[in-house]
Amino acid sequence: MPTRVTTDDLIRLRLAAQLLREGELRSPADVARHLLATQAQDFAAACWALGLRAPGTTQLDVLMALERGEILRSWPMRGTLHFVPPEDLGWMLAVTTPRMIAGLATRNRQLELDDAAFERAREVVVNALSGGGTIGRAELMQEFEAHGIRTAGQRGYHLIYYLAQTGTLCWGPPHKAQQSLVLLDEWVTSPRELGPEESLREFLVRYLDGHGPATLKDFAWWSKVTITSARAALALARTELVELDLDGTSYWMTAKAADATSAAPPARGAREAVRVLPGFDEYLLGYQDRSLVLPPEFAQRIVPGGNGIFLPTIVSRGRVVGTWRRASAAKGVTGQAQAFTRLTVRESAGFERAIRDYARFVGSPAPAA
């Protein structure tokens, strides 16, 4: 029988799963492994998403983890860039690639990209990068053009995406303000080999470890597997999971996470902590239904104009209470809050502390209060 819970219970458990409670020290690579996939189309924001969950680390620590190959960036699902553990990307792509490629068939025809064009691009990439080579995006575009492969009109982007989606390329070490491209099978030397059913089970269990409690629809949206596949994953993992009931809706979490949370309940200060999250953070983007932590009447404030750009958020007691933006001052980085309603004295002080943590992370300490 499912355990009945309240909204506050779910938020408390989700904060723990998302590593947004005070806790043990961990590295950016530990965070990436725990979350499985961290949305990363905004590179700087994604670095902060890892850093805020790894207390005491800096942006340089994240960049060095990328340099060492402890974290990589690719399109494991939803056609969106994510930070992922290197060893897990291969089996994730095996689950998601067929649907993603099929969904692009019409666009590829419009761009005059067929199997022959993709294989020609793959040949160019392998020849250019074999033996440990790296290349920036602009330089790869030039390489394609030099071999008679047109890149204008989004053709270049779709070539890179296809080669990454089918396991040839991934984003590896830092390059200027972003990353360089490398050959996946050279960059990841010890990939995990999982069968189809094992991959599906692993996908759900790892998602719930880093995001639970969550619904099956949340998982299907996040991973972009079909709801039929999501149900199959649930059947495969059922003995490892705990079912929670909130007003007739089933939420799932791993038994391991449930036991860990019960053994170490959060201190009052951790429950009430104010966090400044980056745009596109997994705490909000990791779910189809975000109403648990974001009041629907304020959803428009997070994505102004419905343009798909999710603003950085302020989280207090596990709920989104506003947005924020970085501001630079002569003496360091500061932050400006745009709260949904007036912040309390406690929340204002918490916001300032959180901004100082962010400023320290990016290497530009905020002015002392």
Protein backbone atom coordinates (compact mmCIF):
# COMPACT_ATOMS: atom_id res chain seq x y z
CA MET A 1 0.00 0.00 0.00
CA PRO A 2 1.27 3.48 -0.80
CA THR A 3 2.20 5.78 2.05
CA ARG A 4 0.06 8.90 2.29
CA VAL A 5 2.06 12.10 2.34
CA THR A 6 1.57 15.87 2.31
CA THR A 7 2.94 18.43 -0.12
CA ASP A 8 5.48 19.46 2.51
CA ASP A 9 6.63 15.84 2.79
CA LEU A 10 7.19 15.61 -0.97
CA ILE A 11 9.11 18.89 -1.06
CA ARG A 12 11.32 17.82 1.84
CA LEU A 13 12.13 14.53 0.11
CA ARG A 14 12.69 16.21 -3.25
CA LEU A 15 15.11 18.73 -1.73
CA ALA A 16 17.14 15.83 -0.37
CA ALA A 17 17.12 13.95 -3.70
CA GLN A 18 18.17 17.10 -5.55
CA LEU A 19 21.09 17.62 -3.13
CA LEU A 20 19.68 21.00 -2.09
CA ARG A 21 19.93 20.28 1.63
CA GLU A 22 23.02 20.95 3.66
CA GLY A 23 24.97 17.73 3.75
CA GLU A 24 28.23 15.96 3.11
CA LEU A 25 30.90 17.41 0.87
CA ARG A 26 30.82 16.15 -2.71
CA SER A 27 32.48 16.91 -6.02
CA PRO A 28 30.83 18.23 -9.21
CA ALA A 29 31.32 14.78 -10.75
CA ASP A 30 29.50 13.22 -7.78
CA VAL A 31 26.58 15.60 -8.40
CA ALA A 32 26.47 14.78 -12.13
CA ARG A 33 26.48 11.08 -11.35
CA HIS A 34 23.73 11.42 -8.76
CA LEU A 35 21.40 13.49 -10.97
CA LEU A 36 22.25 11.31 -14.02
CA ALA A 37 21.47 14.19 -16.41
CA THR A 38 21.70 17.90 -15.59
CA GLN A 39 20.18 20.27 -18.14
CA ALA A 40 23.07 22.19 -19.70
CA GLN A 41 22.13 24.13 -22.81
CA ASP A 42 23.23 27.22 -20.87
CA PHE A 43 26.81 26.25 -20.09
CA ALA A 44 27.51 28.75 -17.29
CA ALA A 45 24.16 28.09 -15.62
CA ALA A 46 24.76 24.33 -15.73
CA CYS A 47 28.16 24.77 -14.10
CA TRP A 48 26.44 26.60 -11.23
CA ALA A 49 23.78 23.85 -11.04
CA LEU A 50 26.58 21.41 -10.22
CA GLY A 51 28.49 23.85 -8.02
CA LEU A 52 25.64 24.83 -5.74
CA ARG A 53 25.12 21.13 -4.97
CA ALA A 54 28.83 20.64 -4.24
CA PRO A 55 29.45 23.09 -1.36
CA GLY A 56 32.80 24.82 -1.40
CA THR A 57 33.58 24.12 -5.05
CA THR A 58 34.27 26.73 -7.70
CA GLN A 59 33.57 27.17 -11.38
CA LEU A 60 37.19 26.18 -11.99
CA ASP A 61 36.53 22.87 -10.21
CA VAL A 62 33.71 22.14 -12.67
CA LEU A 63 35.88 23.09 -15.64
CA MET A 64 38.68 20.86 -14.39
CA ALA A 65 36.24 17.95 -14.01
CA LEU A 66 35.29 18.48 -17.66
CA GLU A 67 38.98 18.68 -18.59
CA ARG A 68 39.63 15.35 -16.85
CA GLY A 69 36.65 13.70 -18.52
CA GLU A 70 34.78 13.14 -15.26
CA ILE A 71 31.73 14.90 -16.72
CA LEU A 72 30.72 15.26 -20.34
CA ARG A 73 28.03 17.11 -22.23
CA SER A 74 25.78 15.73 -24.92
CA TRP A 75 22.17 15.30 -26.04
CA PRO A 76 21.05 12.18 -24.12
CA MET A 77 17.33 13.05 -24.37
CA ARG A 78 14.76 15.67 -25.38
CA GLY A 79 17.15 17.14 -27.96
CA THR A 80 18.62 19.19 -25.10
CA LEU A 81 22.21 19.37 -23.92
CA HIS A 82 22.86 17.81 -20.50
CA PHE A 83 25.85 17.14 -18.29
CA VAL A 84 26.06 13.37 -17.80
CA PRO A 85 28.46 10.86 -16.23
CA PRO A 86 30.70 9.62 -19.07
CA GLU A 87 30.13 5.96 -18.34
CA ASP A 88 26.34 6.31 -18.61
CA LEU A 89 25.89 8.20 -21.87
CA GLY A 90 26.09 5.15 -24.14
CA TRP A 91 23.25 3.16 -22.61
CA MET A 92 21.11 6.31 -22.31
CA LEU A 93 21.52 6.99 -26.03
CA ALA A 94 20.59 3.38 -26.78
CA VAL A 95 17.23 4.04 -25.12
CA THR A 96 16.48 7.48 -26.56
CA THR A 97 18.18 7.77 -29.96
CA PRO A 98 15.70 5.86 -32.17
CA ARG A 99 12.78 8.15 -31.24
CA MET A 100 14.88 11.31 -31.39
CA ILE A 101 16.24 10.53 -34.86
CA ALA A 102 12.81 9.51 -36.15
CA GLY A 103 11.38 12.79 -34.88
CA LEU A 104 13.87 14.76 -36.98
CA ALA A 105 13.19 12.99 -40.28
CA THR A 106 11.10 15.81 -41.77
CA ARG A 107 13.56 18.52 -40.73
CA ASN A 108 16.49 16.54 -42.10
CA ARG A 109 14.74 16.19 -45.46
CA GLN A 110 14.15 19.95 -45.51
CA LEU A 111 17.87 20.48 -44.92
CA GLU A 112 18.76 17.87 -47.57
CA LEU A 113 20.51 15.74 -44.99
CA ASP A 114 20.31 12.03 -45.78
CA ASP A 115 22.23 8.93 -44.67
CA ALA A 116 24.97 9.61 -47.21
CA ALA A 117 25.48 13.15 -45.92
CA PHE A 118 25.63 12.01 -42.31
CA GLU A 119 28.10 9.25 -43.08
CA ARG A 120 30.29 11.64 -45.06
CA ALA A 121 30.28 14.01 -42.07
CA ARG A 122 31.12 11.12 -39.76
CA GLU A 123 34.09 10.21 -41.94
CA VAL A 124 35.39 13.80 -41.82
CA VAL A 125 35.03 13.93 -38.04
CA VAL A 126 36.74 10.59 -37.42
CA ASN A 127 39.63 11.48 -39.69
CA ALA A 128 40.04 14.89 -38.02
CA LEU A 129 39.85 13.73 -34.40
CA SER A 130 41.22 10.18 -34.28
CA GLY A 131 44.14 9.84 -31.90
CA GLY A 132 42.88 12.17 -29.20
CA GLY A 133 42.08 15.25 -31.23
CA THR A 134 39.74 18.03 -30.14
CA ILE A 135 37.98 20.69 -32.17
CA GLY A 136 35.80 23.72 -31.50
CA ARG A 137 32.39 24.12 -33.07
CA ALA A 138 33.45 26.90 -35.44
CA GLU A 139 36.54 24.98 -36.49
CA LEU A 140 34.47 21.88 -37.21
CA MET A 141 32.16 23.94 -39.40
CA GLN A 142 35.22 25.04 -41.37
CA GLU A 143 36.37 21.43 -41.65
CA PHE A 144 32.99 20.37 -43.04
CA GLU A 145 33.02 23.20 -45.57
CA ALA A 146 36.57 22.33 -46.63
CA HIS A 147 35.32 18.85 -47.52
CA GLY A 148 32.36 20.12 -49.50
CA ILE A 149 29.75 19.64 -46.78
CA ARG A 150 27.48 22.68 -46.51
CA THR A 151 26.78 23.96 -42.99
CA ALA A 152 24.52 26.97 -43.61
CA GLY A 153 20.87 27.11 -42.59
CA GLN A 154 21.29 24.92 -39.48
CA ARG A 155 22.83 22.07 -41.48
CA GLY A 156 26.00 22.29 -39.41
CA TYR A 157 24.12 22.10 -36.11
CA HIS A 158 22.08 19.11 -37.27
CA LEU A 159 25.21 17.31 -38.45
CA ILE A 160 26.84 17.72 -35.03
CA TYR A 161 23.64 16.74 -33.26
CA TYR A 162 23.19 13.59 -35.36
CA LEU A 163 26.82 12.52 -34.85
CA ALA A 164 26.47 13.05 -31.09
CA GLN A 165 23.09 11.32 -30.92
CA THR A 166 24.44 8.29 -32.76
CA GLY A 167 27.50 7.97 -30.54
CA THR A 168 30.35 9.47 -32.58
CA LEU A 169 30.84 12.88 -30.92
CA CYS A 170 30.43 14.47 -27.50
CA TRP A 171 31.43 17.76 -25.90
CA GLY A 172 34.57 17.24 -23.86
CA PRO A 173 37.25 19.56 -22.43
CA PRO A 174 36.71 23.32 -22.08
CA HIS A 175 37.38 25.41 -25.16
CA LYS A 176 37.25 29.20 -24.88
CA ALA A 177 33.88 29.95 -23.17
CA GLN A 178 32.37 26.57 -24.08
CA GLN A 179 33.76 23.10 -24.87
CA SER A 180 35.51 21.31 -27.67
CA LEU A 181 34.20 18.24 -29.47
CA VAL A 182 35.89 14.86 -29.15
CA LEU A 183 35.27 11.31 -30.32
CA LEU A 184 33.04 9.62 -27.77
CA ASP A 185 34.71 6.21 -27.91
CA GLU A 186 38.13 7.82 -27.29
CA TRP A 187 36.92 10.15 -24.54
CA VAL A 188 34.96 7.47 -22.67
CA THR A 189 37.18 4.43 -22.31
CA SER A 190 35.05 2.44 -19.83
CA PRO A 191 31.37 2.74 -20.81
CA ARG A 192 28.79 0.70 -18.94
CA GLU A 193 27.28 -2.05 -21.08
CA LEU A 194 23.59 -2.59 -20.28
CA GLY A 195 20.94 -4.59 -22.12
CA PRO A 196 17.62 -3.02 -23.22
CA GLU A 197 15.62 -3.99 -20.13
CA GLU A 198 18.47 -3.21 -17.77
CA SER A 199 18.90 0.22 -19.39
CA LEU A 200 15.21 1.03 -19.00
CA ARG A 201 15.21 -0.01 -15.35
CA GLU A 202 18.40 1.95 -14.70
CA PHE A 203 16.95 5.06 -16.34
CA LEU A 204 13.98 5.14 -13.98
CA VAL A 205 15.90 4.21 -10.82
CA ARG A 206 18.61 6.81 -11.45
CA TYR A 207 16.02 9.47 -12.28
CA LEU A 208 14.19 8.81 -9.03
CA ASP A 209 17.44 8.75 -7.04
CA GLY A 210 18.17 12.29 -8.18
CA HIS A 211 14.65 13.68 -8.65
CA GLY A 212 12.18 11.67 -6.61
CA PRO A 213 9.53 11.65 -5.42
CA ALA A 214 8.13 12.02 -8.93
CA THR A 215 5.29 10.62 -10.99
CA LEU A 216 5.62 8.21 -13.88
CA LYS A 217 4.47 11.01 -16.20
CA ASP A 218 7.32 13.17 -14.86
CA PHE A 219 9.80 10.44 -15.80
CA ALA A 220 8.30 9.91 -19.26
CA TRP A 221 8.46 13.67 -19.92
CA TRP A 222 12.01 14.01 -18.61
CA SER A 223 13.46 11.03 -20.47
CA LYS A 224 11.12 11.24 -23.47
CA VAL A 225 10.43 7.51 -23.37
CA THR A 226 6.86 6.49 -24.13
CA ILE A 227 4.46 6.04 -21.24
CA THR A 228 4.36 2.35 -22.20
CA SER A 229 8.14 2.15 -21.76
CA ALA A 230 7.85 4.09 -18.50
CA ARG A 231 5.37 1.52 -17.18
CA ALA A 232 7.70 -1.27 -18.27
CA ALA A 233 10.55 0.42 -16.38
CA LEU A 234 8.33 0.65 -13.29
CA ALA A 235 7.56 -3.06 -13.48
CA LEU A 236 11.26 -3.89 -13.79
CA ALA A 237 12.24 -1.66 -10.86
CA ARG A 238 9.18 -2.10 -8.64
CA THR A 239 10.97 -3.98 -5.83
CA GLU A 240 13.49 -1.13 -5.50
CA LEU A 241 10.88 1.61 -5.19
CA VAL A 242 8.53 3.13 -2.62
CA GLU A 243 5.11 4.47 -3.60
CA LEU A 244 3.76 7.63 -2.00
CA ASP A 245 0.22 8.96 -2.35
CA LEU A 246 -0.72 12.63 -2.46
CA ASP A 247 -4.45 13.19 -3.00
CA GLY A 248 -4.76 10.09 -5.15
CA THR A 249 -1.64 10.68 -7.28
CA SER A 250 1.21 8.18 -7.04
CA TYR A 251 4.71 9.51 -6.54
CA TRP A 252 7.73 7.21 -6.60
CA MET A 253 11.14 7.28 -4.96
CA THR A 254 13.82 4.67 -4.43
CA ALA A 255 13.78 2.66 -1.23
CA LYS A 256 17.45 3.53 -0.81
CA ALA A 257 16.66 7.26 -0.85
CA ALA A 258 13.72 6.79 1.50
CA ASP A 259 15.91 4.95 4.01
CA ALA A 260 18.70 7.55 3.78
CA THR A 261 16.27 10.45 4.30
CA SER A 262 14.67 8.74 7.30
CA ALA A 263 18.06 8.08 8.85
CA ALA A 264 19.20 11.69 8.44
CA PRO A 265 16.28 14.14 8.62
CA PRO A 266 17.23 17.70 7.71
CA ALA A 267 18.01 20.24 10.38
CA ARG A 268 15.61 23.17 10.66
CA GLY A 269 18.12 25.53 9.03
CA ALA A 270 18.52 23.23 6.03
CA ARG A 271 14.76 23.04 5.52
CA GLU A 272 14.45 26.82 5.60
CA ALA A 273 17.56 27.66 3.55
CA VAL A 274 17.25 30.09 0.67
CA ARG A 275 18.88 29.01 -2.59
CA VAL A 276 19.59 30.92 -5.80
CA LEU A 277 19.22 28.39 -8.61
CA PRO A 278 20.36 28.90 -12.20
CA GLY A 279 17.98 29.08 -15.11
CA PHE A 280 16.90 25.66 -16.41
CA ASP A 281 17.72 24.01 -13.08
CA GLU A 282 16.66 20.38 -12.59
CA TYR A 283 14.69 21.34 -9.48
CA LEU A 284 12.13 22.89 -11.80
CA LEU A 285 12.90 21.46 -15.26
CA GLY A 286 13.13 17.87 -14.03
CA TYR A 287 9.35 17.41 -13.92
CA GLN A 288 6.37 17.67 -16.23
CA ASP A 289 4.22 19.01 -13.38
CA ARG A 290 6.01 21.84 -11.59
CA SER A 291 3.08 23.02 -9.49
CA LEU A 292 4.42 21.25 -6.39
CA VAL A 293 7.08 23.96 -5.95
CA LEU A 294 5.93 26.70 -8.36
CA PRO A 295 2.47 28.23 -7.89
CA PRO A 296 0.77 28.16 -11.32
CA GLU A 297 -0.11 31.85 -11.08
CA PHE A 298 3.61 32.69 -11.10
CA ALA A 299 4.71 30.25 -13.81
CA GLN A 300 4.66 33.01 -16.43
CA ARG A 301 7.21 34.95 -14.36
CA ILE A 302 9.72 32.12 -14.81
CA VAL A 303 9.33 31.91 -18.60
CA PRO A 304 8.36 35.44 -19.67
CA GLY A 305 6.42 35.40 -22.90
CA GLY A 306 6.53 31.62 -23.05
CA ASN A 307 9.78 31.81 -25.02
CA GLY A 308 11.30 28.67 -23.52
CA ILE A 309 13.96 30.57 -21.57
CA PHE A 310 13.70 29.67 -17.88
CA LEU A 311 15.01 32.41 -15.60
CA PRO A 312 17.16 31.79 -12.52
CA THR A 313 14.96 31.21 -9.46
CA ILE A 314 14.97 31.94 -5.74
CA VAL A 315 13.89 28.96 -3.66
CA SER A 316 12.80 29.30 -0.03
CA ARG A 317 11.56 26.37 2.08
CA GLY A 318 11.62 24.34 -1.10
CA ARG A 319 9.26 26.62 -3.03
CA VAL A 320 10.05 29.03 -5.86
CA VAL A 321 9.43 32.54 -4.49
CA GLY A 322 10.93 34.68 -7.23
CA THR A 323 13.61 35.15 -9.85
CA TRP A 324 17.02 36.78 -9.66
CA ARG A 325 19.69 38.10 -11.93
CA ARG A 326 23.37 38.65 -11.60
CA ALA A 327 24.68 42.17 -11.32
CA SER A 328 28.30 43.24 -11.19
CA ALA A 329 29.61 45.89 -8.84
CA ALA A 330 33.04 47.44 -8.60
CA LYS A 331 33.88 45.23 -5.63
CA GLY A 332 32.39 41.99 -6.95
CA VAL A 333 29.27 40.16 -8.05
CA THR A 334 25.91 41.02 -6.54
CA GLY A 335 22.37 39.82 -7.23
CA GLN A 336 19.04 41.48 -7.76
CA ALA A 337 15.87 39.71 -6.60
CA GLN A 338 12.48 39.94 -8.29
CA ALA A 339 10.27 38.27 -5.70
CA PHE A 340 6.69 37.20 -6.40
CA THR A 341 5.71 38.78 -3.09
CA ARG A 342 7.77 40.73 -0.56
CA LEU A 343 10.59 38.60 0.90
CA THR A 344 10.63 38.23 4.67
CA VAL A 345 13.59 39.49 6.66
CA ARG A 346 14.82 35.90 6.94
CA GLU A 347 14.48 35.34 3.20
CA SER A 348 16.24 38.61 2.33
CA ALA A 349 19.18 37.66 4.54
CA GLY A 350 19.18 34.16 3.06
CA PHE A 351 19.18 35.58 -0.45
CA GLU A 352 22.24 37.71 0.30
CA ARG A 353 24.07 34.69 1.73
CA ALA A 354 23.16 32.64 -1.35
CA ILE A 355 24.44 35.37 -3.66
CA ARG A 356 27.73 35.42 -1.77
CA ASP A 357 28.00 31.65 -2.33
CA TYR A 358 27.38 32.18 -6.03
CA ALA A 359 29.92 35.01 -6.23
CA ARG A 360 32.54 32.86 -4.52
CA PHE A 361 31.77 30.04 -7.00
CA VAL A 362 32.36 32.23 -10.05
CA GLY A 363 35.49 33.71 -8.50
CA SER A 364 34.23 37.23 -7.94
CA PRO A 365 33.41 37.56 -4.24
CA ALA A 366 30.43 39.74 -3.41
CA PRO A 367 30.96 42.86 -1.32
CA ALA A 368 30.73 42.15 2.40
CA ALA A 369 27.32 42.87 3.90
